[in-house]
Amino acid sequence: MKALNTQRFAAGRLSPPSWLALLGFASVCGFLVMVRRALSNSAAFYPHQLSSSSRSEKPLFTRPASHWVQHLMDGASRPAGVSMKEFMYECFKRDVARGELGENRDILRDIRVHRREGRSLRMVSWNVHFFSVGYSNVVLGDGLDEAKAVISLLHADVLLLQEVPPSVLGKLEKWLLDAEGYTHFVAAPSADPHVLAADSSVYAGERLLVIIASKRPFRQSAQVAMANGGHAAFAEIELPSRSAAENSVDAGRHHGRSQGSPPSSAPSSSSSSSTPPATALVYSLHASVRCAASVRREEIGALLLHAQSLYPSASASEQPCLIAGDFNQPNEADYPPHEWHALASDLASAKLPESDGVMQLLRAAGYVPSWEVASHSRPLVGSSAWNGAVVDYCYVANVARGLRGRHLPTTMVVEATYFHHSLASDHLPLVVDFRI
């Protein structure tokens, strides 16, 4: 029998029973892979249902804690003569130095791959700290040129900025148009807490803006009233079509109104067929700070109502929507238990809430953080801002998880989420790559 089997393999043939055995084995392996993948996707979509031990093992948390949180966990004292804010910023600087050696290289590498494969879209959301190096209300120097360098480096198709001074908006838009190719703009005033003090060393008394700048055409744009005197910038953005991506057709040179164009249902003039291009609803916001938690819930609730009003029919379930910006609140779901325990204790000592309910509100409406559904799972940074916590988000709805880079029957798939490390601001730019 052994000799017979050897002859069969040598001749490149298998008997019918051997074929059936191999097919059965392959079917079992395929079924196990499907089960494992389904369980993995379920965990990614519903991290709030995981136990503490499961959260510790998630790929998102295979990274060191932020230096500020590590300091809290160590129970160490800060250096003598250094204020709390100064020490937190020093911790942030160490976070940035660490990230410049790893995360930043991946961002530049991956965009080349995505652009080469076609039909990609990169969104960047960034609180630019009124283009000033420093933190909170402390200005250590002008950061405009460094911020421009970061924007040029990241090659975003859709750029969302927070804390933009109105007095620089015109020059900023001109530079974005002439130097970077952004053709559509909308800006909106932020809430009352984001008005700079009358004695500020820069841009005194100015109400800071949120903006959306896009290389893709707008179907419509507007300022959306939230709460606390603030607004979000909104745009319905046309997504790249197959022909546009493959032929590198320019999206158009129409320059939208800076302070919000009136909504219009007319398709863009760049559309070359009778079927309008697919679109995504995009919101840039800066949530209130030093306020009751209910205020931020009211702000986000206004955006959810606005999005629902645009597509009240059943088609809304297929309309991709992105809500991104500075949410001014860390969330337990983004930390392993030992880190969250230290951070929650610090929030309590500062009389700040452990939760403002915004993430729960968004989840209930079908939105999740972009890093939870990314096709290429990456460790989540321990901090996105000088305060040592993750407070910058892109929440996505009706955007599917990819399977090892393969296309799914959906308009948008999240490929990867990163944070670019830079000291041009006291927040890190959030980078989200989508496949269309």
Protein backbone atom coordinates (compact mmCIF):
# COMPACT_ATOMS: atom_id res chain seq x y z
CA MET A 1 0.00 0.00 0.00
CA LYS A 2 2.83 2.39 0.83
CA ALA A 3 4.44 1.75 -2.55
CA LEU A 4 1.11 2.24 -4.32
CA ASN A 5 0.52 5.62 -2.66
CA THR A 6 4.06 6.72 -3.54
CA GLN A 7 3.41 5.87 -7.18
CA ARG A 8 0.16 7.83 -7.18
CA PHE A 9 1.81 10.97 -5.87
CA ALA A 10 4.77 10.55 -8.19
CA ALA A 11 2.44 10.39 -11.15
CA GLY A 12 0.63 13.54 -9.96
CA ARG A 13 -2.66 11.74 -9.51
CA LEU A 14 -4.84 10.91 -6.51
CA SER A 15 -7.47 8.25 -6.24
CA PRO A 16 -11.10 9.41 -5.73
CA PRO A 17 -11.08 8.59 -1.98
CA SER A 18 -7.96 10.73 -1.51
CA TRP A 19 -9.53 13.66 -3.36
CA LEU A 20 -12.63 13.44 -1.22
CA ALA A 21 -10.55 13.39 1.96
CA LEU A 22 -8.63 16.50 0.90
CA LEU A 23 -11.79 18.35 -0.09
CA GLY A 24 -13.36 17.52 3.26
CA PHE A 25 -10.29 18.75 5.11
CA ALA A 26 -10.26 22.01 3.10
CA SER A 27 -13.95 22.59 3.84
CA VAL A 28 -13.39 22.19 7.57
CA CYS A 29 -10.43 24.61 7.49
CA GLY A 30 -12.46 27.15 5.53
CA PHE A 31 -15.31 26.93 8.00
CA LEU A 32 -12.95 27.48 10.96
CA VAL A 33 -11.42 30.53 9.26
CA MET A 34 -14.90 32.01 8.69
CA VAL A 35 -15.86 31.45 12.33
CA ARG A 36 -12.66 33.05 13.56
CA ARG A 37 -13.10 36.04 11.25
CA ALA A 38 -16.72 36.51 12.29
CA LEU A 39 -15.78 36.47 15.97
CA SER A 40 -12.96 38.93 15.31
CA ASN A 41 -15.26 41.32 13.44
CA SER A 42 -17.89 41.06 16.18
CA ALA A 43 -15.35 42.02 18.81
CA ALA A 44 -14.21 44.98 16.74
CA PHE A 45 -17.74 46.28 16.26
CA TYR A 46 -18.83 45.83 19.87
CA PRO A 47 -15.88 46.53 22.19
CA HIS A 48 -18.20 47.80 24.90
CA GLN A 49 -19.46 44.22 25.31
CA LEU A 50 -15.98 42.82 25.98
CA SER A 51 -14.74 41.95 29.44
CA SER A 52 -11.84 43.85 30.95
CA SER A 53 -9.45 40.98 30.23
CA SER A 54 -10.60 40.87 26.59
CA ARG A 55 -10.03 44.61 26.19
CA SER A 56 -6.48 44.18 27.46
CA GLU A 57 -5.74 41.70 24.67
CA LYS A 58 -7.15 43.79 21.79
CA PRO A 59 -4.62 44.72 19.06
CA LEU A 60 -5.54 48.38 19.62
CA PHE A 61 -3.81 48.25 23.00
CA THR A 62 -0.55 46.60 21.99
CA ARG A 63 1.31 49.84 22.60
CA PRO A 64 2.82 51.70 25.55
CA ALA A 65 0.70 54.05 27.62
CA SER A 66 1.05 57.77 27.09
CA HIS A 67 3.79 59.24 29.25
CA TRP A 68 1.21 61.15 31.30
CA VAL A 69 -0.88 58.05 32.01
CA GLN A 70 2.28 56.07 32.77
CA HIS A 71 3.20 58.78 35.28
CA LEU A 72 -0.23 58.38 36.90
CA MET A 73 0.11 54.60 37.05
CA ASP A 74 3.58 54.86 38.60
CA GLY A 75 2.27 57.20 41.30
CA ALA A 76 5.36 59.36 40.87
CA SER A 77 5.66 63.02 41.81
CA ARG A 78 6.26 65.63 39.14
CA PRO A 79 9.53 67.59 39.20
CA ALA A 80 9.77 70.42 41.70
CA GLY A 81 8.95 73.86 40.36
CA VAL A 82 7.06 72.50 37.36
CA SER A 83 3.34 73.19 37.11
CA MET A 84 0.86 70.44 36.30
CA LYS A 85 0.20 71.82 32.81
CA GLU A 86 3.90 72.22 32.08
CA PHE A 87 4.58 68.64 33.11
CA MET A 88 1.66 67.32 31.02
CA TYR A 89 3.07 69.12 27.99
CA GLU A 90 6.52 67.65 28.64
CA CYS A 91 4.89 64.22 28.67
CA PHE A 92 3.19 65.05 25.36
CA LYS A 93 6.53 66.04 23.84
CA ARG A 94 7.92 62.64 24.78
CA ASP A 95 4.86 60.97 23.21
CA VAL A 96 5.51 62.89 19.99
CA ALA A 97 9.19 61.96 19.94
CA ARG A 98 8.25 58.30 20.25
CA GLY A 99 5.58 58.48 17.55
CA GLU A 100 7.87 60.23 15.07
CA LEU A 101 9.97 57.06 14.92
CA GLY A 102 7.08 54.72 14.09
CA GLU A 103 3.59 55.91 13.26
CA ASN A 104 4.71 58.77 11.02
CA ARG A 105 6.66 56.47 8.69
CA ASP A 106 3.67 54.16 8.28
CA ILE A 107 1.41 57.05 7.27
CA LEU A 108 3.67 58.08 4.38
CA ARG A 109 4.28 54.49 3.27
CA ASP A 110 0.63 53.50 3.21
CA ILE A 111 -0.66 56.51 1.27
CA ARG A 112 1.64 55.59 -1.63
CA VAL A 113 0.24 52.07 -1.63
CA HIS A 114 -3.40 53.21 -1.46
CA ARG A 115 -3.00 55.81 -4.21
CA ARG A 116 -1.29 53.28 -6.46
CA GLU A 117 -4.16 50.82 -6.01
CA GLY A 118 -6.73 53.52 -6.85
CA ARG A 119 -10.13 54.64 -5.51
CA SER A 120 -8.72 55.80 -2.18
CA LEU A 121 -9.73 58.76 -0.07
CA ARG A 122 -7.73 60.17 2.84
CA MET A 123 -9.36 62.30 5.51
CA VAL A 124 -7.32 64.29 8.04
CA SER A 125 -8.88 65.95 11.10
CA TRP A 126 -6.70 68.28 13.18
CA ASN A 127 -7.09 70.80 15.99
CA VAL A 128 -4.36 73.25 14.94
CA HIS A 129 -4.28 75.24 18.26
CA PHE A 130 -4.82 78.53 16.37
CA PHE A 131 -1.58 77.79 14.49
CA SER A 132 0.49 78.28 17.62
CA VAL A 133 3.15 76.06 19.13
CA GLY A 134 2.27 75.48 22.78
CA TYR A 135 -0.65 74.08 24.75
CA SER A 136 -4.01 75.24 26.11
CA ASN A 137 -3.76 79.03 26.46
CA VAL A 138 0.06 79.00 26.48
CA VAL A 139 1.71 80.22 23.27
CA LEU A 140 5.37 79.30 22.80
CA GLY A 141 5.72 80.43 19.20
CA ASP A 142 4.10 80.70 15.78
CA GLY A 143 3.21 77.34 14.28
CA LEU A 144 1.63 78.29 10.96
CA ASP A 145 4.56 77.31 8.74
CA GLU A 146 5.06 74.02 10.57
CA ALA A 147 1.32 73.28 10.32
CA LYS A 148 1.43 73.95 6.57
CA ALA A 149 4.34 71.53 6.26
CA VAL A 150 2.35 68.82 8.05
CA ILE A 151 -0.70 69.42 5.84
CA SER A 152 1.46 69.15 2.72
CA LEU A 153 3.06 65.96 4.02
CA LEU A 154 -0.19 64.13 4.77
CA HIS A 155 -1.81 64.57 1.32
CA ALA A 156 -5.40 64.59 2.55
CA ASP A 157 -8.25 64.59 0.05
CA VAL A 158 -10.58 65.98 2.72
CA LEU A 159 -9.09 68.19 5.43
CA LEU A 160 -10.97 69.05 8.63
CA LEU A 161 -9.43 71.70 10.89
CA GLN A 162 -10.46 73.01 14.29
CA GLU A 163 -9.36 76.21 16.09
CA VAL A 164 -8.71 78.24 12.95
CA PRO A 165 -8.57 82.02 13.67
CA PRO A 166 -10.98 83.97 11.42
CA SER A 167 -8.32 86.57 10.67
CA VAL A 168 -6.14 83.99 8.87
CA LEU A 169 -8.94 82.14 7.09
CA GLY A 170 -8.66 84.02 3.78
CA LYS A 171 -4.90 83.54 3.49
CA LEU A 172 -5.21 79.93 4.60
CA GLU A 173 -7.81 79.12 1.93
CA LYS A 174 -5.72 80.81 -0.74
CA TRP A 175 -2.69 78.73 0.22
CA LEU A 176 -4.74 75.53 0.34
CA LEU A 177 -6.13 76.29 -3.12
CA ASP A 178 -2.94 77.47 -4.83
CA ALA A 179 -0.38 75.21 -3.17
CA GLU A 180 -2.33 72.09 -2.22
CA GLY A 181 -5.22 71.86 -4.70
CA TYR A 182 -8.16 72.17 -2.29
CA THR A 183 -11.06 73.57 -4.29
CA HIS A 184 -14.05 73.54 -1.95
CA PHE A 185 -14.35 75.11 1.50
CA VAL A 186 -16.83 75.62 4.29
CA ALA A 187 -16.17 77.19 7.72
CA ALA A 188 -18.28 77.61 10.84
CA PRO A 189 -17.85 79.38 14.21
CA SER A 190 -17.18 77.22 17.27
CA ALA A 191 -18.93 77.32 20.64
CA ASP A 192 -18.49 80.04 23.26
CA PRO A 193 -15.65 78.26 25.14
CA HIS A 194 -13.57 78.51 21.97
CA VAL A 195 -13.42 82.30 21.93
CA LEU A 196 -9.90 83.44 22.75
CA ALA A 197 -9.54 85.73 25.77
CA ALA A 198 -9.40 89.46 25.27
CA ASP A 199 -5.87 89.48 26.70
CA SER A 200 -4.62 86.55 24.58
CA SER A 201 -1.17 87.16 23.14
CA VAL A 202 -2.46 86.04 19.72
CA TYR A 203 -5.81 86.53 17.96
CA ALA A 204 -7.32 88.19 21.02
CA GLY A 205 -11.10 87.92 21.25
CA GLU A 206 -11.50 85.85 18.07
CA ARG A 207 -14.10 83.08 17.92
CA LEU A 208 -12.20 80.14 16.47
CA LEU A 209 -13.55 78.29 13.44
CA VAL A 210 -13.93 74.73 12.25
CA ILE A 211 -13.45 74.17 8.53
CA ILE A 212 -13.67 71.54 5.82
CA ALA A 213 -11.37 71.86 2.80
CA SER A 214 -11.81 69.32 0.03
CA LYS A 215 -10.24 68.32 -3.25
CA ARG A 216 -13.51 66.56 -4.03
CA PRO A 217 -16.63 68.51 -5.09
CA PHE A 218 -19.32 69.47 -2.61
CA ARG A 219 -22.90 68.46 -3.35
CA GLN A 220 -23.95 70.87 -0.60
CA SER A 221 -22.43 72.56 2.44
CA ALA A 222 -23.65 74.47 5.48
CA GLN A 223 -23.04 75.64 9.02
CA VAL A 224 -24.97 73.38 11.39
CA ALA A 225 -26.04 74.96 14.69
CA MET A 226 -25.25 72.79 17.71
CA ALA A 227 -25.34 74.36 21.19
CA ASN A 228 -23.49 76.86 23.34
CA GLY A 229 -23.34 79.30 20.43
CA GLY A 230 -21.37 76.85 18.28
CA HIS A 231 -21.70 75.29 14.85
CA ALA A 232 -20.19 72.41 12.93
CA ALA A 233 -18.98 72.72 9.36
CA PHE A 234 -20.88 70.32 7.11
CA ALA A 235 -20.39 69.16 3.53
CA GLU A 236 -21.84 66.40 1.41
CA ILE A 237 -18.79 65.36 -0.58
CA GLU A 238 -18.76 63.46 -3.85
CA LEU A 239 -16.65 60.32 -3.65
CA PRO A 240 -14.20 59.22 -6.34
CA SER A 241 -15.78 57.12 -9.05
CA ARG A 242 -14.04 54.25 -10.79
CA SER A 243 -13.40 56.30 -13.92
CA ALA A 244 -12.15 59.29 -11.96
CA ALA A 245 -9.73 57.19 -9.96
CA GLU A 246 -8.44 55.16 -12.90
CA ASN A 247 -8.05 58.10 -15.25
CA SER A 248 -6.96 60.64 -12.62
CA VAL A 249 -9.69 63.02 -13.76
CA ASP A 250 -9.64 66.29 -11.84
CA ALA A 251 -12.61 66.67 -9.54
CA GLY A 252 -13.35 70.21 -10.69
CA ARG A 253 -12.20 73.70 -9.85
CA HIS A 254 -15.34 75.18 -8.34
CA HIS A 255 -14.42 77.20 -5.23
CA GLY A 256 -17.20 76.91 -2.62
CA ARG A 257 -18.18 79.72 -0.26
CA SER A 258 -15.88 79.98 2.75
CA GLN A 259 -18.62 80.60 5.30
CA GLY A 260 -21.05 77.90 4.19
CA SER A 261 -22.84 77.43 0.90
CA PRO A 262 -26.61 77.05 0.87
CA PRO A 263 -27.70 73.42 0.47
CA SER A 264 -28.36 72.33 -3.08
CA SER A 265 -29.59 69.04 -4.44
CA ALA A 266 -28.17 69.67 -7.90
CA PRO A 267 -25.36 67.29 -8.91
CA SER A 268 -21.87 68.66 -9.43
CA SER A 269 -20.90 69.83 -12.89
CA SER A 270 -17.98 67.39 -12.71
CA SER A 271 -20.35 64.45 -13.00
CA SER A 272 -20.07 63.00 -16.49
CA SER A 273 -22.99 60.58 -16.36
CA SER A 274 -26.68 60.69 -15.58
CA THR A 275 -26.10 58.80 -12.33
CA PRO A 276 -24.80 61.16 -9.62
CA PRO A 277 -21.59 60.05 -7.89
CA ALA A 278 -21.87 58.46 -4.48
CA THR A 279 -21.45 60.90 -1.60
CA ALA A 280 -20.50 60.99 2.06
CA LEU A 281 -21.80 63.37 4.73
CA VAL A 282 -18.87 64.96 6.58
CA TYR A 283 -18.96 67.07 9.76
CA SER A 284 -16.06 68.95 11.34
CA LEU A 285 -16.68 69.91 14.97
CA HIS A 286 -15.05 71.17 18.12
CA ALA A 287 -17.09 70.07 21.11
CA SER A 288 -17.46 72.38 24.08
CA VAL A 289 -15.03 72.19 26.99
CA ARG A 290 -15.41 73.12 30.66
CA CYS A 291 -19.13 72.49 30.40
CA ALA A 292 -21.79 70.11 31.64
CA ALA A 293 -21.73 66.73 29.91
CA SER A 294 -25.27 67.34 28.70
CA VAL A 295 -24.02 70.23 26.54
CA ARG A 296 -21.81 67.95 24.46
CA ARG A 297 -24.62 65.44 24.09
CA GLU A 298 -26.84 68.25 22.85
CA GLU A 299 -24.16 69.29 20.35
CA ILE A 300 -23.79 65.81 18.90
CA GLY A 301 -27.54 65.24 18.97
CA ALA A 302 -27.99 68.27 16.71
CA LEU A 303 -25.62 66.76 14.13
CA LEU A 304 -27.41 63.41 14.22
CA LEU A 305 -30.73 65.15 13.60
CA HIS A 306 -29.23 67.16 10.75
CA ALA A 307 -27.86 64.05 9.05
CA GLN A 308 -31.19 62.27 9.48
CA SER A 309 -33.06 65.21 7.98
CA LEU A 310 -31.01 65.04 4.77
CA TYR A 311 -31.83 61.39 4.10
CA PRO A 312 -35.05 60.57 5.96
CA SER A 313 -35.93 57.67 3.65
CA ALA A 314 -34.67 54.10 3.80
CA SER A 315 -31.67 55.08 1.65
CA ALA A 316 -30.17 56.72 4.73
CA SER A 317 -29.09 53.27 5.89
CA GLU A 318 -26.62 53.23 2.97
CA GLN A 319 -25.39 56.83 3.23
CA PRO A 320 -21.84 57.01 4.65
CA CYS A 321 -21.44 59.66 7.33
CA LEU A 322 -18.29 60.89 9.11
CA ILE A 323 -18.35 63.04 12.26
CA ALA A 324 -14.82 64.08 13.15
CA GLY A 325 -12.99 66.58 15.30
CA ASP A 326 -11.96 67.36 18.85
CA PHE A 327 -14.53 65.81 21.23
CA ASN A 328 -12.76 66.92 24.44
CA GLN A 329 -13.48 63.65 26.26
CA PRO A 330 -11.58 60.37 26.68
CA ASN A 331 -13.54 57.11 26.70
CA GLU A 332 -13.04 53.87 28.58
CA ALA A 333 -13.37 51.78 25.40
CA ASP A 334 -10.07 53.20 24.11
CA TYR A 335 -7.89 52.02 26.99
CA PRO A 336 -6.87 48.75 28.61
CA PRO A 337 -8.29 48.50 32.16
CA HIS A 338 -5.11 49.38 34.06
CA GLU A 339 -4.63 52.58 32.04
CA TRP A 340 -8.27 53.59 32.33
CA HIS A 341 -8.24 53.12 36.11
CA ALA A 342 -5.38 55.62 36.41
CA LEU A 343 -6.90 58.09 33.95
CA ALA A 344 -10.39 57.88 35.49
CA SER A 345 -8.94 58.60 38.93
CA ASP A 346 -7.21 61.67 37.49
CA LEU A 347 -10.45 62.85 35.87
CA ALA A 348 -12.25 62.47 39.19
CA SER A 349 -9.60 64.47 41.03
CA ALA A 350 -10.00 67.25 38.45
CA LYS A 351 -13.81 67.09 38.91
CA LEU A 352 -14.27 66.00 35.29
CA PRO A 353 -16.72 63.26 34.23
CA GLU A 354 -15.46 59.80 33.32
CA SER A 355 -18.01 59.86 30.49
CA ASP A 356 -20.11 62.54 28.87
CA GLY A 357 -22.35 60.00 27.13
CA VAL A 358 -21.38 61.14 23.63
CA MET A 359 -19.79 57.87 22.54
CA GLN A 360 -22.83 55.96 23.79
CA LEU A 361 -25.14 58.35 21.94
CA LEU A 362 -23.22 57.89 18.71
CA ARG A 363 -23.06 54.10 19.06
CA ALA A 364 -26.81 53.97 19.56
CA ALA A 365 -27.17 55.85 16.25
CA GLY A 366 -24.87 53.40 14.43
CA TYR A 367 -21.56 55.29 14.62
CA VAL A 368 -18.25 53.79 15.77
CA PRO A 369 -14.69 55.15 16.00
CA SER A 370 -12.85 54.59 12.74
CA TRP A 371 -10.08 52.52 14.35
CA GLU A 372 -12.59 49.90 15.49
CA VAL A 373 -13.55 48.95 11.92
CA ALA A 374 -10.24 49.43 10.10
CA SER A 375 -9.26 46.69 7.67
CA HIS A 376 -5.65 46.96 8.79
CA SER A 377 -5.81 46.88 12.57
CA ARG A 378 -3.16 49.05 14.21
CA PRO A 379 -2.33 49.88 17.82
CA LEU A 380 -4.20 52.98 19.00
CA VAL A 381 -1.98 55.75 20.36
CA GLY A 382 -2.17 56.34 24.11
CA SER A 383 -2.79 60.05 23.62
CA SER A 384 -3.93 62.38 20.83
CA ALA A 385 -3.39 65.65 22.71
CA TRP A 386 -1.25 67.42 25.27
CA ASN A 387 -3.53 66.34 28.12
CA GLY A 388 -2.33 62.73 27.74
CA ALA A 389 -5.65 61.30 26.54
CA VAL A 390 -7.36 60.27 23.29
CA VAL A 391 -9.92 63.00 22.57
CA ASP A 392 -9.82 63.29 18.76
CA TYR A 393 -12.13 61.01 16.78
CA CYS A 394 -13.60 60.20 13.43
CA TYR A 395 -16.91 58.44 14.04
CA VAL A 396 -18.20 56.57 10.99
CA ALA A 397 -21.62 55.22 10.07
CA ASN A 398 -22.54 53.00 7.11
CA VAL A 399 -18.85 52.42 6.44
CA ALA A 400 -17.88 48.76 6.29
CA ARG A 401 -14.96 46.82 7.65
CA GLY A 402 -12.64 45.50 4.94
CA LEU A 403 -11.42 41.91 4.78
CA ARG A 404 -7.67 41.90 4.18
CA GLY A 405 -7.93 44.73 1.67
CA ARG A 406 -10.60 43.09 -0.50
CA HIS A 407 -13.56 45.11 -1.74
CA LEU A 408 -16.97 44.70 -0.18
CA PRO A 409 -20.35 45.65 -1.69
CA THR A 410 -20.37 49.04 0.04
CA THR A 411 -19.49 52.62 -0.81
CA MET A 412 -16.66 53.08 1.69
CA VAL A 413 -14.33 50.79 3.63
CA VAL A 414 -12.00 51.99 6.38
CA GLU A 415 -8.49 50.86 5.47
CA ALA A 416 -6.51 52.24 8.43
CA THR A 417 -6.43 54.96 11.08
CA TYR A 418 -3.31 56.74 12.31
CA PHE A 419 -2.18 59.74 14.34
CA HIS A 420 0.64 61.84 12.89
CA HIS A 421 3.06 63.04 15.58
CA SER A 422 4.07 66.69 15.51
CA LEU A 423 4.54 69.59 17.94
CA ALA A 424 3.02 72.09 15.50
CA SER A 425 -0.10 71.97 17.70
CA ASP A 426 -1.15 70.59 21.06
CA HIS A 427 -3.21 67.93 19.24
CA LEU A 428 -2.12 65.26 16.77
CA PRO A 429 -3.61 65.11 13.26
CA LEU A 430 -5.96 62.13 12.91
CA VAL A 431 -5.50 60.36 9.56
CA VAL A 432 -8.15 57.97 8.19
CA ASP A 433 -7.67 56.15 4.88
CA PHE A 434 -10.78 54.90 3.09
CA ARG A 435 -11.20 52.65 0.07
CA ILE A 436 -14.09 53.55 -2.22
